PDB file of all heavy atoms in Angstrom:
ATOM      1  N   ILE A   1     -64.858 -31.194 -10.472  1.00  0.00           N
ATOM      2  CA  ILE A   1     -65.182 -29.734 -10.654  1.00  0.00           C
ATOM      3  C   ILE A   1     -64.488 -28.960  -9.516  1.00  0.00           C
ATOM      4  O   ILE A   1     -64.255 -29.511  -8.433  1.00  0.00           O
ATOM      5  CB  ILE A   1     -66.721 -29.509 -10.472  1.00  0.00           C
ATOM      6  CG1 ILE A   1     -67.273 -30.089  -9.232  1.00  0.00           C
ATOM      7  CG2 ILE A   1     -67.496 -30.048 -11.757  1.00  0.00           C
ATOM      8  CD1 ILE A   1     -68.786 -29.898  -9.039  1.00  0.00           C
ATOM      9  N   PRO A   2     -64.043 -27.695  -9.769  1.00  0.00           N
ATOM     10  CA  PRO A   2     -63.146 -26.982  -8.840  1.00  0.00           C
ATOM     11  C   PRO A   2     -63.910 -26.404  -7.668  1.00  0.00           C
ATOM     12  O   PRO A   2     -63.929 -25.149  -7.467  1.00  0.00           O
ATOM     13  CB  PRO A   2     -62.607 -25.824  -9.729  1.00  0.00           C
ATOM     14  CG  PRO A   2     -63.664 -25.573 -10.681  1.00  0.00           C
ATOM     15  CD  PRO A   2     -64.387 -26.945 -11.023  1.00  0.00           C
ATOM     16  N   PHE A   3     -64.519 -27.242  -6.753  1.00  0.00           N
ATOM     17  CA  PHE A   3     -65.150 -26.775  -5.616  1.00  0.00           C
ATOM     18  C   PHE A   3     -64.725 -27.704  -4.420  1.00  0.00           C
ATOM     19  O   PHE A   3     -64.493 -28.856  -4.456  1.00  0.00           O
ATOM     20  CB  PHE A   3     -66.696 -26.889  -5.771  1.00  0.00           C
ATOM     21  CG  PHE A   3     -67.246 -25.859  -6.686  1.00  0.00           C
ATOM     22  CD1 PHE A   3     -67.548 -26.309  -7.956  1.00  0.00           C
ATOM     23  CD2 PHE A   3     -67.490 -24.545  -6.388  1.00  0.00           C
ATOM     24  CE1 PHE A   3     -68.123 -25.363  -8.948  1.00  0.00           C
ATOM     25  CE2 PHE A   3     -68.052 -23.666  -7.345  1.00  0.00           C
ATOM     26  CZ  PHE A   3     -68.285 -24.027  -8.571  1.00  0.00           C
ATOM     27  N   LEU A   4     -64.595 -26.938  -3.217  1.00  0.00           N
ATOM     28  CA  LEU A   4     -64.301 -27.612  -2.017  1.00  0.00           C
ATOM     29  C   LEU A   4     -65.111 -26.984  -0.814  1.00  0.00           C
ATOM     30  O   LEU A   4     -65.484 -25.831  -0.970  1.00  0.00           O
ATOM     31  CB  LEU A   4     -62.827 -27.584  -1.698  1.00  0.00           C
ATOM     32  CG  LEU A   4     -61.843 -28.324  -2.495  1.00  0.00           C
ATOM     33  CD1 LEU A   4     -60.347 -27.987  -2.140  1.00  0.00           C
ATOM     34  CD2 LEU A   4     -62.009 -29.916  -2.339  1.00  0.00           C
ATOM     35  N   VAL A   5     -65.397 -27.731   0.265  1.00  0.00           N
ATOM     36  CA  VAL A   5     -65.905 -27.101   1.482  1.00  0.00           C
ATOM     37  C   VAL A   5     -64.787 -26.114   1.933  1.00  0.00           C
ATOM     38  O   VAL A   5     -63.592 -26.333   1.683  1.00  0.00           O
ATOM     39  CB  VAL A   5     -66.276 -28.157   2.525  1.00  0.00           C
ATOM     40  CG1 VAL A   5     -67.403 -28.964   1.976  1.00  0.00           C
ATOM     41  CG2 VAL A   5     -65.026 -28.970   2.879  1.00  0.00           C
ATOM     42  N   PRO A   6     -65.157 -24.992   2.595  1.00  0.00           N
ATOM     43  CA  PRO A   6     -64.117 -24.054   3.113  1.00  0.00           C
ATOM     44  C   PRO A   6     -62.997 -24.652   3.834  1.00  0.00           C
ATOM     45  O   PRO A   6     -61.893 -24.285   3.764  1.00  0.00           O
ATOM     46  CB  PRO A   6     -64.968 -23.130   3.893  1.00  0.00           C
ATOM     47  CG  PRO A   6     -66.338 -23.260   3.338  1.00  0.00           C
ATOM     48  CD  PRO A   6     -66.502 -24.561   2.948  1.00  0.00           C
ATOM     49  N   ARG A   7     -63.303 -25.623   4.681  1.00  0.00           N
ATOM     50  CA  ARG A   7     -62.329 -26.245   5.534  1.00  0.00           C
ATOM     51  C   ARG A   7     -61.221 -26.868   4.644  1.00  0.00           C
ATOM     52  O   ARG A   7     -59.970 -26.812   4.967  1.00  0.00           O
ATOM     53  CB  ARG A   7     -62.972 -27.374   6.390  1.00  0.00           C
ATOM     54  CG  ARG A   7     -62.094 -28.002   7.444  1.00  0.00           C
ATOM     55  CD  ARG A   7     -62.886 -29.131   8.120  1.00  0.00           C
ATOM     56  NE  ARG A   7     -62.220 -29.586   9.381  1.00  0.00           N
ATOM     57  CZ  ARG A   7     -62.601 -29.185  10.493  1.00  0.00           C
ATOM     58  NH1 ARG A   7     -63.475 -28.286  10.726  1.00  0.00           N
ATOM     59  NH2 ARG A   7     -61.899 -29.645  11.502  1.00  0.00           N
ATOM     60  N   ALA A   8     -61.596 -27.547   3.540  1.00  0.00           N
ATOM     61  CA  ALA A   8     -60.660 -28.176   2.720  1.00  0.00           C
ATOM     62  C   ALA A   8     -59.869 -27.131   1.813  1.00  0.00           C
ATOM     63  O   ALA A   8     -58.733 -27.340   1.539  1.00  0.00           O
ATOM     64  CB  ALA A   8     -61.350 -29.162   1.763  1.00  0.00           C
ATOM     65  N   ALA A   9     -60.558 -26.042   1.425  1.00  0.00           N
ATOM     66  CA  ALA A   9     -59.897 -25.061   0.690  1.00  0.00           C
ATOM     67  C   ALA A   9     -58.793 -24.419   1.463  1.00  0.00           C
ATOM     68  O   ALA A   9     -57.738 -23.998   0.906  1.00  0.00           O
ATOM     69  CB  ALA A   9     -60.967 -24.009   0.225  1.00  0.00           C
ATOM     70  N   ILE A  10     -59.099 -24.108   2.806  1.00  0.00           N
ATOM     71  CA  ILE A  10     -58.044 -23.550   3.638  1.00  0.00           C
ATOM     72  C   ILE A  10     -56.828 -24.511   3.795  1.00  0.00           C
ATOM     73  O   ILE A  10     -55.695 -24.076   3.723  1.00  0.00           O
ATOM     74  CB  ILE A  10     -58.629 -23.193   5.009  1.00  0.00           C
ATOM     75  CG1 ILE A  10     -59.647 -22.154   4.875  1.00  0.00           C
ATOM     76  CG2 ILE A  10     -57.514 -22.890   5.992  1.00  0.00           C
ATOM     77  CD1 ILE A  10     -60.462 -21.876   6.255  1.00  0.00           C
ATOM     78  N   LEU A  11     -57.065 -25.776   3.874  1.00  0.00           N
ATOM     79  CA  LEU A  11     -55.998 -26.764   3.970  1.00  0.00           C
ATOM     80  C   LEU A  11     -55.170 -26.735   2.709  1.00  0.00           C
ATOM     81  O   LEU A  11     -53.924 -26.709   2.715  1.00  0.00           O
ATOM     82  CB  LEU A  11     -56.600 -28.209   4.201  1.00  0.00           C
ATOM     83  CG  LEU A  11     -55.537 -29.300   4.138  1.00  0.00           C
ATOM     84  CD1 LEU A  11     -54.474 -29.206   5.307  1.00  0.00           C
ATOM     85  CD2 LEU A  11     -56.287 -30.690   4.174  1.00  0.00           C
ATOM     86  N   LEU A  12     -55.777 -26.772   1.581  1.00  0.00           N
ATOM     87  CA  LEU A  12     -55.067 -26.662   0.300  1.00  0.00           C
ATOM     88  C   LEU A  12     -54.242 -25.397   0.159  1.00  0.00           C
ATOM     89  O   LEU A  12     -53.005 -25.455  -0.213  1.00  0.00           O
ATOM     90  CB  LEU A  12     -56.057 -26.689  -0.946  1.00  0.00           C
ATOM     91  CG  LEU A  12     -55.489 -26.637  -2.313  1.00  0.00           C
ATOM     92  CD1 LEU A  12     -54.396 -27.749  -2.559  1.00  0.00           C
ATOM     93  CD2 LEU A  12     -56.578 -26.685  -3.354  1.00  0.00           C
ATOM     94  N   GLN A  13     -54.783 -24.268   0.591  1.00  0.00           N
ATOM     95  CA  GLN A  13     -53.931 -23.046   0.566  1.00  0.00           C
ATOM     96  C   GLN A  13     -52.729 -23.248   1.518  1.00  0.00           C
ATOM     97  O   GLN A  13     -51.651 -22.653   1.215  1.00  0.00           O
ATOM     98  CB  GLN A  13     -54.854 -21.895   1.012  1.00  0.00           C
ATOM     99  CG  GLN A  13     -54.217 -20.627   0.892  1.00  0.00           C
ATOM    100  CD  GLN A  13     -54.229 -20.058  -0.628  1.00  0.00           C
ATOM    101  OE1 GLN A  13     -54.787 -20.706  -1.453  1.00  0.00           O
ATOM    102  NE2 GLN A  13     -53.548 -18.891  -0.824  1.00  0.00           N
ATOM    103  N   GLU A  14     -52.961 -23.788   2.669  1.00  0.00           N
ATOM    104  CA  GLU A  14     -51.898 -23.959   3.666  1.00  0.00           C
ATOM    105  C   GLU A  14     -50.783 -24.912   3.126  1.00  0.00           C
ATOM    106  O   GLU A  14     -49.627 -24.591   3.266  1.00  0.00           O
ATOM    107  CB  GLU A  14     -52.390 -24.604   4.870  1.00  0.00           C
ATOM    108  CG  GLU A  14     -51.307 -24.552   6.085  1.00  0.00           C
ATOM    109  CD  GLU A  14     -51.953 -24.975   7.403  1.00  0.00           C
ATOM    110  OE1 GLU A  14     -53.170 -25.333   7.429  1.00  0.00           O
ATOM    111  OE2 GLU A  14     -51.263 -25.034   8.427  1.00  0.00           O
ATOM    112  N   ILE A  15     -51.149 -25.942   2.428  1.00  0.00           N
ATOM    113  CA  ILE A  15     -50.149 -26.811   1.812  1.00  0.00           C
ATOM    114  C   ILE A  15     -49.234 -26.000   0.750  1.00  0.00           C
ATOM    115  O   ILE A  15     -48.031 -26.118   0.820  1.00  0.00           O
ATOM    116  CB  ILE A  15     -50.882 -28.005   1.120  1.00  0.00           C
ATOM    117  CG1 ILE A  15     -51.464 -28.921   2.145  1.00  0.00           C
ATOM    118  CG2 ILE A  15     -49.835 -28.775   0.274  1.00  0.00           C
ATOM    119  CD1 ILE A  15     -52.356 -30.029   1.582  1.00  0.00           C
ATOM    120  N   GLY A  16     -49.990 -25.245  -0.096  1.00  0.00           N
ATOM    121  CA  GLY A  16     -49.245 -24.496  -1.128  1.00  0.00           C
ATOM    122  C   GLY A  16     -48.338 -23.447  -0.426  1.00  0.00           C
ATOM    123  O   GLY A  16     -47.147 -23.301  -0.888  1.00  0.00           O
ATOM    124  N   SER A  17     -48.741 -22.769   0.588  1.00  0.00           N
ATOM    125  CA  SER A  17     -48.002 -21.729   1.235  1.00  0.00           C
ATOM    126  C   SER A  17     -46.812 -22.369   1.979  1.00  0.00           C
ATOM    127  O   SER A  17     -45.683 -21.909   1.977  1.00  0.00           O
ATOM    128  CB  SER A  17     -48.916 -21.031   2.280  1.00  0.00           C
ATOM    129  OG  SER A  17     -48.199 -20.138   3.010  1.00  0.00           O
ATOM    130  N   ASN A  18     -47.008 -23.504   2.679  1.00  0.00           N
ATOM    131  CA  ASN A  18     -45.950 -24.120   3.479  1.00  0.00           C
ATOM    132  C   ASN A  18     -44.902 -24.686   2.474  1.00  0.00           C
ATOM    133  O   ASN A  18     -43.657 -24.702   2.783  1.00  0.00           O
ATOM    134  CB  ASN A  18     -46.495 -25.290   4.299  1.00  0.00           C
ATOM    135  CG  ASN A  18     -47.267 -24.711   5.495  1.00  0.00           C
ATOM    136  OD1 ASN A  18     -47.421 -23.498   5.620  1.00  0.00           O
ATOM    137  ND2 ASN A  18     -47.850 -25.620   6.310  1.00  0.00           N
ATOM    138  N   PHE A  19     -45.353 -25.152   1.341  1.00  0.00           N
ATOM    139  CA  PHE A  19     -44.391 -25.723   0.260  1.00  0.00           C
ATOM    140  C   PHE A  19     -43.491 -24.529  -0.192  1.00  0.00           C
ATOM    141  O   PHE A  19     -42.271 -24.703  -0.338  1.00  0.00           O
ATOM    142  CB  PHE A  19     -45.187 -26.277  -0.827  1.00  0.00           C
ATOM    143  CG  PHE A  19     -44.296 -26.881  -1.933  1.00  0.00           C
ATOM    144  CD1 PHE A  19     -43.564 -27.993  -1.626  1.00  0.00           C
ATOM    145  CD2 PHE A  19     -44.400 -26.496  -3.275  1.00  0.00           C
ATOM    146  CE1 PHE A  19     -42.765 -28.599  -2.671  1.00  0.00           C
ATOM    147  CE2 PHE A  19     -43.605 -26.984  -4.236  1.00  0.00           C
ATOM    148  CZ  PHE A  19     -42.834 -28.058  -3.972  1.00  0.00           C
ATOM    149  N   PHE A  20     -44.066 -23.372  -0.399  1.00  0.00           N
ATOM    150  CA  PHE A  20     -43.278 -22.140  -0.854  1.00  0.00           C
ATOM    151  C   PHE A  20     -42.298 -21.825   0.281  1.00  0.00           C
ATOM    152  O   PHE A  20     -41.039 -21.597  -0.049  1.00  0.00           O
ATOM    153  CB  PHE A  20     -44.263 -21.032  -0.937  1.00  0.00           C
ATOM    154  CG  PHE A  20     -44.576 -20.712  -2.526  1.00  0.00           C
ATOM    155  CD1 PHE A  20     -44.747 -21.671  -3.399  1.00  0.00           C
ATOM    156  CD2 PHE A  20     -44.800 -19.380  -2.901  1.00  0.00           C
ATOM    157  CE1 PHE A  20     -45.097 -21.589  -4.646  1.00  0.00           C
ATOM    158  CE2 PHE A  20     -45.024 -19.108  -4.138  1.00  0.00           C
ATOM    159  CZ  PHE A  20     -45.222 -20.187  -5.189  1.00  0.00           C
ATOM    160  N   ASP A  21     -42.630 -21.803   1.510  1.00  0.00           N
ATOM    161  CA  ASP A  21     -41.763 -21.504   2.578  1.00  0.00           C
ATOM    162  C   ASP A  21     -40.619 -22.513   2.726  1.00  0.00           C
ATOM    163  O   ASP A  21     -39.485 -22.125   2.951  1.00  0.00           O
ATOM    164  CB  ASP A  21     -42.490 -21.475   3.887  1.00  0.00           C
ATOM    165  CG  ASP A  21     -43.515 -20.299   3.957  1.00  0.00           C
ATOM    166  OD1 ASP A  21     -43.343 -19.348   3.148  1.00  0.00           O
ATOM    167  OD2 ASP A  21     -44.444 -20.291   4.885  1.00  0.00           O
ATOM    168  N   SER A  22     -40.990 -23.759   2.558  1.00  0.00           N
ATOM    169  CA  SER A  22     -39.957 -24.802   2.652  1.00  0.00           C
ATOM    170  C   SER A  22     -38.898 -24.689   1.537  1.00  0.00           C
ATOM    171  O   SER A  22     -37.717 -24.894   1.798  1.00  0.00           O
ATOM    172  CB  SER A  22     -40.567 -26.188   2.632  1.00  0.00           C
ATOM    173  OG  SER A  22     -41.333 -26.407   3.850  1.00  0.00           O
ATOM    174  N   LEU A  23     -39.351 -24.406   0.331  1.00  0.00           N
ATOM    175  CA  LEU A  23     -38.398 -24.217  -0.743  1.00  0.00           C
ATOM    176  C   LEU A  23     -37.498 -23.061  -0.489  1.00  0.00           C
ATOM    177  O   LEU A  23     -36.262 -23.164  -0.764  1.00  0.00           O
ATOM    178  CB  LEU A  23     -39.225 -23.944  -2.077  1.00  0.00           C
ATOM    179  CG  LEU A  23     -40.027 -25.188  -2.709  1.00  0.00           C
ATOM    180  CD1 LEU A  23     -40.734 -24.830  -3.833  1.00  0.00           C
ATOM    181  CD2 LEU A  23     -39.143 -26.380  -2.876  1.00  0.00           C
ATOM    182  N   ALA A  24     -38.089 -21.915   0.042  1.00  0.00           N
ATOM    183  CA  ALA A  24     -37.260 -20.833   0.349  1.00  0.00           C
ATOM    184  C   ALA A  24     -36.264 -21.023   1.400  1.00  0.00           C
ATOM    185  O   ALA A  24     -35.020 -20.691   1.301  1.00  0.00           O
ATOM    186  CB  ALA A  24     -38.172 -19.581   0.690  1.00  0.00           C
ATOM    187  N   VAL A  25     -36.599 -21.729   2.492  1.00  0.00           N
ATOM    188  CA  VAL A  25     -35.737 -22.061   3.581  1.00  0.00           C
ATOM    189  C   VAL A  25     -34.605 -22.975   3.113  1.00  0.00           C
ATOM    190  O   VAL A  25     -33.399 -22.868   3.482  1.00  0.00           O
ATOM    191  CB  VAL A  25     -36.484 -22.758   4.727  1.00  0.00           C
ATOM    192  CG1 VAL A  25     -35.472 -23.387   5.748  1.00  0.00           C
ATOM    193  CG2 VAL A  25     -37.356 -21.749   5.441  1.00  0.00           C
ATOM    194  N   LYS A  26     -34.890 -23.935   2.161  1.00  0.00           N
ATOM    195  CA  LYS A  26     -33.871 -24.902   1.668  1.00  0.00           C
ATOM    196  C   LYS A  26     -33.181 -24.378   0.417  1.00  0.00           C
ATOM    197  O   LYS A  26     -32.352 -25.103  -0.222  1.00  0.00           O
ATOM    198  CB  LYS A  26     -34.640 -26.203   1.372  1.00  0.00           C
ATOM    199  CG  LYS A  26     -35.288 -26.848   2.588  1.00  0.00           C
ATOM    200  CD  LYS A  26     -35.979 -28.145   2.277  1.00  0.00           C
ATOM    201  CE  LYS A  26     -36.875 -28.642   3.367  1.00  0.00           C
ATOM    202  NZ  LYS A  26     -36.034 -28.909   4.547  1.00  0.00           N
ATOM    203  N   GLN A  27     -33.369 -23.153   0.089  1.00  0.00           N
ATOM    204  CA  GLN A  27     -32.741 -22.417  -1.073  1.00  0.00           C
ATOM    205  C   GLN A  27     -32.962 -23.320  -2.351  1.00  0.00           C
ATOM    206  O   GLN A  27     -31.992 -23.439  -3.153  1.00  0.00           O
ATOM    207  CB  GLN A  27     -31.238 -22.325  -0.867  1.00  0.00           C
ATOM    208  CG  GLN A  27     -30.913 -21.567   0.499  1.00  0.00           C
ATOM    209  CD  GLN A  27     -29.515 -21.509   0.793  1.00  0.00           C
ATOM    210  OE1 GLN A  27     -28.692 -21.244  -0.103  1.00  0.00           O
ATOM    211  NE2 GLN A  27     -29.043 -21.761   2.021  1.00  0.00           N
TER     212      GLN A  27
END
């Protein structure tokens, strides 16, 4: 089910955001 404790939800968001940034930097 799509639920996480806040700590884990923040980590997941950070992974997605950092992945976006890495793709942009590497063109």
